[in-house]
Amino acid sequence: MRENYLINIVGRQRIDEEVGEVTLTTLGSYVTKGNTRYIVYKEYDPDRNNAATTSVLKVDGTHTVTLMRGGGDNTRLILEKGKRHQCQYNTGMGALMVGVFTNDVHSRLHDKGGELEVNYTLDINADLSSINEIFITVKEAENKDVKNSTAGY
């Protein structure tokens, strides 16, 4: 699969009164199959010899996003508007079962890319752990930015 899309991800996490933000801009793949869209990209961990972790965001329609991570950090979060799911979340030190309640999903994705916004909370043992927001922009990369490579999922 060609990594010919520029993917920008901004994640915000609020724990009590503290807010943290992480930004990732990378090349990845973007595929549409029926009413489902897949955003595929790799992250590299400098603490693990730059080991690659493949992330797949599966966007079903306009209300459900499933985040799947492989490469040693096997995680699966189901983000479905208005619902709470129990999900496995790998911390690097071990897996946790966490509750994920999705307040809102705004998908403005189309065949050429677009934007995705998700607001959700995480809880551990039914106690609120964090309030989270993800903002994702997907757009076709210019030819000079793209090299032939593959991303698996």
C-alpha atoms as a PDB file:
ATOM      1  CA  MET A   1       0.000   0.000   0.000  1.00  0.00           C
ATOM      2  CA  ARG A   2       1.450   3.371  -0.971  1.00  0.00           C
ATOM      3  CA  GLU A   3       2.031   5.943   1.734  1.00  0.00           C
ATOM      4  CA  ASN A   4       0.873   8.872  -0.362  1.00  0.00           C
ATOM      5  CA  TYR A   5      -1.194  10.856   2.144  1.00  0.00           C
ATOM      6  CA  LEU A   6      -0.037  13.450   4.620  1.00  0.00           C
ATOM      7  CA  ILE A   7      -1.607  12.700   7.997  1.00  0.00           C
ATOM      8  CA  ASN A   8      -1.597  15.267  10.788  1.00  0.00           C
ATOM      9  CA  ILE A   9      -2.774  14.180  14.242  1.00  0.00           C
ATOM     10  CA  VAL A  10      -3.197  16.414  17.268  1.00  0.00           C
ATOM     11  CA  GLY A  11      -4.125  14.678  20.515  1.00  0.00           C
ATOM     12  CA  ARG A  12      -5.091  16.511  23.697  1.00  0.00           C
ATOM     13  CA  GLN A  13      -5.477  14.898  27.070  1.00  0.00           C
ATOM     14  CA  ARG A  14      -6.768  16.539  30.228  1.00  0.00           C
ATOM     15  CA  ILE A  15      -6.146  14.930  33.603  1.00  0.00           C
ATOM     16  CA  ASP A  16      -7.572  16.969  36.473  1.00  0.00           C
ATOM     17  CA  GLU A  17      -6.391  20.525  35.674  1.00  0.00           C
ATOM     18  CA  GLU A  18      -3.371  19.547  33.539  1.00  0.00           C
ATOM     19  CA  VAL A  19      -3.569  19.515  29.736  1.00  0.00           C
ATOM     20  CA  GLY A  20      -1.063  17.761  27.486  1.00  0.00           C
ATOM     21  CA  GLU A  21      -0.850  17.879  23.712  1.00  0.00           C
ATOM     22  CA  VAL A  22       0.945  15.649  21.222  1.00  0.00           C
ATOM     23  CA  THR A  23       1.279  16.355  17.499  1.00  0.00           C
ATOM     24  CA  LEU A  24       2.298  13.837  14.825  1.00  0.00           C
ATOM     25  CA  THR A  25       2.706  14.574  11.126  1.00  0.00           C
ATOM     26  CA  THR A  26       3.567  11.590   8.959  1.00  0.00           C
ATOM     27  CA  LEU A  27       3.004   9.941   5.596  1.00  0.00           C
ATOM     28  CA  GLY A  28       0.513   7.115   5.501  1.00  0.00           C
ATOM     29  CA  SER A  29      -2.228   5.450   3.513  1.00  0.00           C
ATOM     30  CA  TYR A  30      -5.869   6.371   3.122  1.00  0.00           C
ATOM     31  CA  VAL A  31      -8.316   3.871   1.648  1.00  0.00           C
ATOM     32  CA  THR A  32     -12.081   3.928   1.152  1.00  0.00           C
ATOM     33  CA  LYS A  33     -14.060   0.663   1.025  1.00  0.00           C
ATOM     34  CA  GLY A  34     -17.785   1.289   0.771  1.00  0.00           C
ATOM     35  CA  ASN A  35     -18.844   3.513   3.676  1.00  0.00           C
ATOM     36  CA  THR A  36     -15.676   2.683   5.650  1.00  0.00           C
ATOM     37  CA  ARG A  37     -12.442   4.666   5.506  1.00  0.00           C
ATOM     38  CA  TYR A  38      -9.037   3.486   6.729  1.00  0.00           C
ATOM     39  CA  ILE A  39      -6.213   5.783   7.817  1.00  0.00           C
ATOM     40  CA  VAL A  40      -2.960   3.790   8.189  1.00  0.00           C
ATOM     41  CA  TYR A  41       0.333   5.176   9.487  1.00  0.00           C
ATOM     42  CA  LYS A  42       3.444   4.168  11.410  1.00  0.00           C
ATOM     43  CA  GLU A  43       4.916   5.619  14.570  1.00  0.00           C
ATOM     44  CA  TYR A  44       8.533   5.073  15.601  1.00  0.00           C
ATOM     45  CA  ASP A  45       9.508   4.762  19.275  1.00  0.00           C
ATOM     46  CA  PRO A  46      12.973   6.173  20.045  1.00  0.00           C
ATOM     47  CA  ASP A  47      12.903   4.372  23.419  1.00  0.00           C
ATOM     48  CA  ARG A  48      12.654   1.008  21.613  1.00  0.00           C
ATOM     49  CA  ASN A  49      15.370   1.394  18.949  1.00  0.00           C
ATOM     50  CA  ASN A  50      12.888   3.218  16.684  1.00  0.00           C
ATOM     51  CA  ALA A  51      10.652   0.148  16.551  1.00  0.00           C
ATOM     52  CA  ALA A  52       7.658   0.758  14.277  1.00  0.00           C
ATOM     53  CA  THR A  53       4.091   0.574  15.495  1.00  0.00           C
ATOM     54  CA  THR A  54       1.411   0.448  12.800  1.00  0.00           C
ATOM     55  CA  SER A  55      -1.789   2.293  13.641  1.00  0.00           C
ATOM     56  CA  VAL A  56      -5.053   1.863  11.758  1.00  0.00           C
ATOM     57  CA  LEU A  57      -8.024   4.171  12.218  1.00  0.00           C
ATOM     58  CA  LYS A  58     -11.143   2.508  10.834  1.00  0.00           C
ATOM     59  CA  VAL A  59     -13.895   5.090  10.358  1.00  0.00           C
ATOM     60  CA  ASP A  60     -17.341   3.515   9.885  1.00  0.00           C
ATOM     61  CA  GLY A  61     -19.798   6.101   8.595  1.00  0.00           C
ATOM     62  CA  THR A  62     -19.946   9.192  10.764  1.00  0.00           C
ATOM     63  CA  HIS A  63     -20.331   7.803  14.301  1.00  0.00           C
ATOM     64  CA  THR A  64     -17.765   5.037  14.911  1.00  0.00           C
ATOM     65  CA  VAL A  65     -13.960   5.026  14.884  1.00  0.00           C
ATOM     66  CA  THR A  66     -11.859   2.008  15.830  1.00  0.00           C
ATOM     67  CA  LEU A  67      -8.199   2.559  16.654  1.00  0.00           C
ATOM     68  CA  MET A  68      -6.044  -0.549  16.227  1.00  0.00           C
ATOM     69  CA  ARG A  69      -2.308  -0.650  16.978  1.00  0.00           C
ATOM     70  CA  GLY A  70       0.090  -3.482  16.276  1.00  0.00           C
ATOM     71  CA  GLY A  71       3.834  -4.007  16.505  1.00  0.00           C
ATOM     72  CA  GLY A  72       4.068  -5.008  20.163  1.00  0.00           C
ATOM     73  CA  ASP A  73       1.656  -2.344  21.468  1.00  0.00           C
ATOM     74  CA  ASN A  74      -1.523  -4.220  20.614  1.00  0.00           C
ATOM     75  CA  THR A  75      -4.343  -1.823  21.412  1.00  0.00           C
ATOM     76  CA  ARG A  76      -7.938  -1.656  20.244  1.00  0.00           C
ATOM     77  CA  LEU A  77     -10.155   1.287  21.179  1.00  0.00           C
ATOM     78  CA  ILE A  78     -13.733   1.520  19.950  1.00  0.00           C
ATOM     79  CA  LEU A  79     -14.954   5.111  19.790  1.00  0.00           C
ATOM     80  CA  GLU A  80     -18.696   5.082  19.093  1.00  0.00           C
ATOM     81  CA  LYS A  81     -20.698   8.266  19.608  1.00  0.00           C
ATOM     82  CA  GLY A  82     -22.888   8.123  22.709  1.00  0.00           C
ATOM     83  CA  LYS A  83     -21.658   4.677  23.845  1.00  0.00           C
ATOM     84  CA  ARG A  84     -19.195   3.242  26.351  1.00  0.00           C
ATOM     85  CA  HIS A  85     -16.991   0.295  25.422  1.00  0.00           C
ATOM     86  CA  GLN A  86     -14.536  -1.778  27.452  1.00  0.00           C
ATOM     87  CA  CYS A  87     -11.283  -1.838  25.478  1.00  0.00           C
ATOM     88  CA  GLN A  88      -7.767  -3.200  25.789  1.00  0.00           C
ATOM     89  CA  TYR A  89      -5.130  -0.480  26.049  1.00  0.00           C
ATOM     90  CA  ASN A  90      -1.429  -1.366  26.084  1.00  0.00           C
ATOM     91  CA  THR A  91       0.709   0.948  28.201  1.00  0.00           C
ATOM     92  CA  GLY A  92       4.055  -0.577  27.258  1.00  0.00           C
ATOM     93  CA  MET A  93       4.218  -1.971  30.809  1.00  0.00           C
ATOM     94  CA  GLY A  94       1.213  -4.217  30.285  1.00  0.00           C
ATOM     95  CA  ALA A  95      -2.363  -4.208  29.044  1.00  0.00           C
ATOM     96  CA  LEU A  96      -5.252  -2.548  30.855  1.00  0.00           C
ATOM     97  CA  MET A  97      -8.969  -2.838  30.359  1.00  0.00           C
ATOM     98  CA  VAL A  98     -10.315   0.696  30.175  1.00  0.00           C
ATOM     99  CA  GLY A  99     -13.749   2.160  29.703  1.00  0.00           C
ATOM    100  CA  VAL A 100     -14.059   4.448  26.702  1.00  0.00           C
ATOM    101  CA  PHE A 101     -17.061   6.771  26.421  1.00  0.00           C
ATOM    102  CA  THR A 102     -17.266   8.755  23.186  1.00  0.00           C
ATOM    103  CA  ASN A 103     -19.014  12.086  23.507  1.00  0.00           C
ATOM    104  CA  ASP A 104     -18.771  13.088  19.874  1.00  0.00           C
ATOM    105  CA  VAL A 105     -17.416  12.051  16.469  1.00  0.00           C
ATOM    106  CA  HIS A 106     -17.257  14.558  13.616  1.00  0.00           C
ATOM    107  CA  SER A 107     -16.156  12.979  10.339  1.00  0.00           C
ATOM    108  CA  ARG A 108     -15.682  15.252   7.371  1.00  0.00           C
ATOM    109  CA  LEU A 109     -13.754  12.618   5.437  1.00  0.00           C
ATOM    110  CA  HIS A 110     -14.278  12.200   1.702  1.00  0.00           C
ATOM    111  CA  ASP A 111     -12.569  10.315  -1.122  1.00  0.00           C
ATOM    112  CA  LYS A 112      -9.556  12.673  -1.216  1.00  0.00           C
ATOM    113  CA  GLY A 113      -9.052  13.018   2.558  1.00  0.00           C
ATOM    114  CA  GLY A 114     -10.621  15.463   4.988  1.00  0.00           C
ATOM    115  CA  GLU A 115     -10.894  15.897   8.735  1.00  0.00           C
ATOM    116  CA  LEU A 116     -11.872  13.765  11.712  1.00  0.00           C
ATOM    117  CA  GLU A 117     -12.506  14.940  15.268  1.00  0.00           C
ATOM    118  CA  VAL A 118     -13.234  12.655  18.225  1.00  0.00           C
ATOM    119  CA  ASN A 119     -13.960  13.612  21.858  1.00  0.00           C
ATOM    120  CA  TYR A 120     -13.928  10.846  24.467  1.00  0.00           C
ATOM    121  CA  THR A 121     -13.178   9.980  28.085  1.00  0.00           C
ATOM    122  CA  LEU A 122     -11.160   7.113  29.525  1.00  0.00           C
ATOM    123  CA  ASP A 123     -11.978   5.509  32.855  1.00  0.00           C
ATOM    124  CA  ILE A 124     -10.209   2.857  34.891  1.00  0.00           C
ATOM    125  CA  ASN A 125     -12.302   0.888  37.384  1.00  0.00           C
ATOM    126  CA  ALA A 126     -15.179   3.293  36.607  1.00  0.00           C
ATOM    127  CA  ASP A 127     -13.118   6.296  37.809  1.00  0.00           C
ATOM    128  CA  LEU A 128     -12.522   9.070  35.275  1.00  0.00           C
ATOM    129  CA  SER A 129      -8.910   8.942  34.123  1.00  0.00           C
ATOM    130  CA  SER A 130      -8.775  11.546  31.342  1.00  0.00           C
ATOM    131  CA  ILE A 131     -10.744  13.662  28.893  1.00  0.00           C
ATOM    132  CA  ASN A 132      -9.383  13.338  25.351  1.00  0.00           C
ATOM    133  CA  GLU A 133      -9.665  15.011  21.955  1.00  0.00           C
ATOM    134  CA  ILE A 134      -8.170  13.872  18.665  1.00  0.00           C
ATOM    135  CA  PHE A 135      -8.032  16.079  15.564  1.00  0.00           C
ATOM    136  CA  ILE A 136      -6.903  14.379  12.343  1.00  0.00           C
ATOM    137  CA  THR A 137      -6.354  15.907   8.929  1.00  0.00           C
ATOM    138  CA  VAL A 138      -5.728  13.701   5.879  1.00  0.00           C
ATOM    139  CA  LYS A 139      -4.683  15.106   2.511  1.00  0.00           C
ATOM    140  CA  GLU A 140      -2.942  13.843  -0.576  1.00  0.00           C
ATOM    141  CA  ALA A 141       0.788  14.470  -0.345  1.00  0.00           C
ATOM    142  CA  GLU A 142       2.616  16.220  -3.139  1.00  0.00           C
ATOM    143  CA  ASN A 143       4.718  13.900  -5.313  1.00  0.00           C
ATOM    144  CA  LYS A 144       7.978  15.318  -3.974  1.00  0.00           C
ATOM    145  CA  ASP A 145       6.963  14.259  -0.435  1.00  0.00           C
ATOM    146  CA  VAL A 146       6.105  10.643  -1.334  1.00  0.00           C
ATOM    147  CA  LYS A 147       8.354   7.647  -1.740  1.00  0.00           C
ATOM    148  CA  ASN A 148       7.170   4.170  -2.648  1.00  0.00           C
ATOM    149  CA  SER A 149       6.723   2.173   0.539  1.00  0.00           C
ATOM    150  CA  THR A 150       4.214  -0.069   2.166  1.00  0.00           C
ATOM    151  CA  ALA A 151       2.150   0.068   5.300  1.00  0.00           C
ATOM    152  CA  GLY A 152       0.568  -3.124   6.545  1.00  0.00           C
ATOM    153  CA  TYR A 153      -2.498  -3.637   8.695  1.00  0.00           C
END
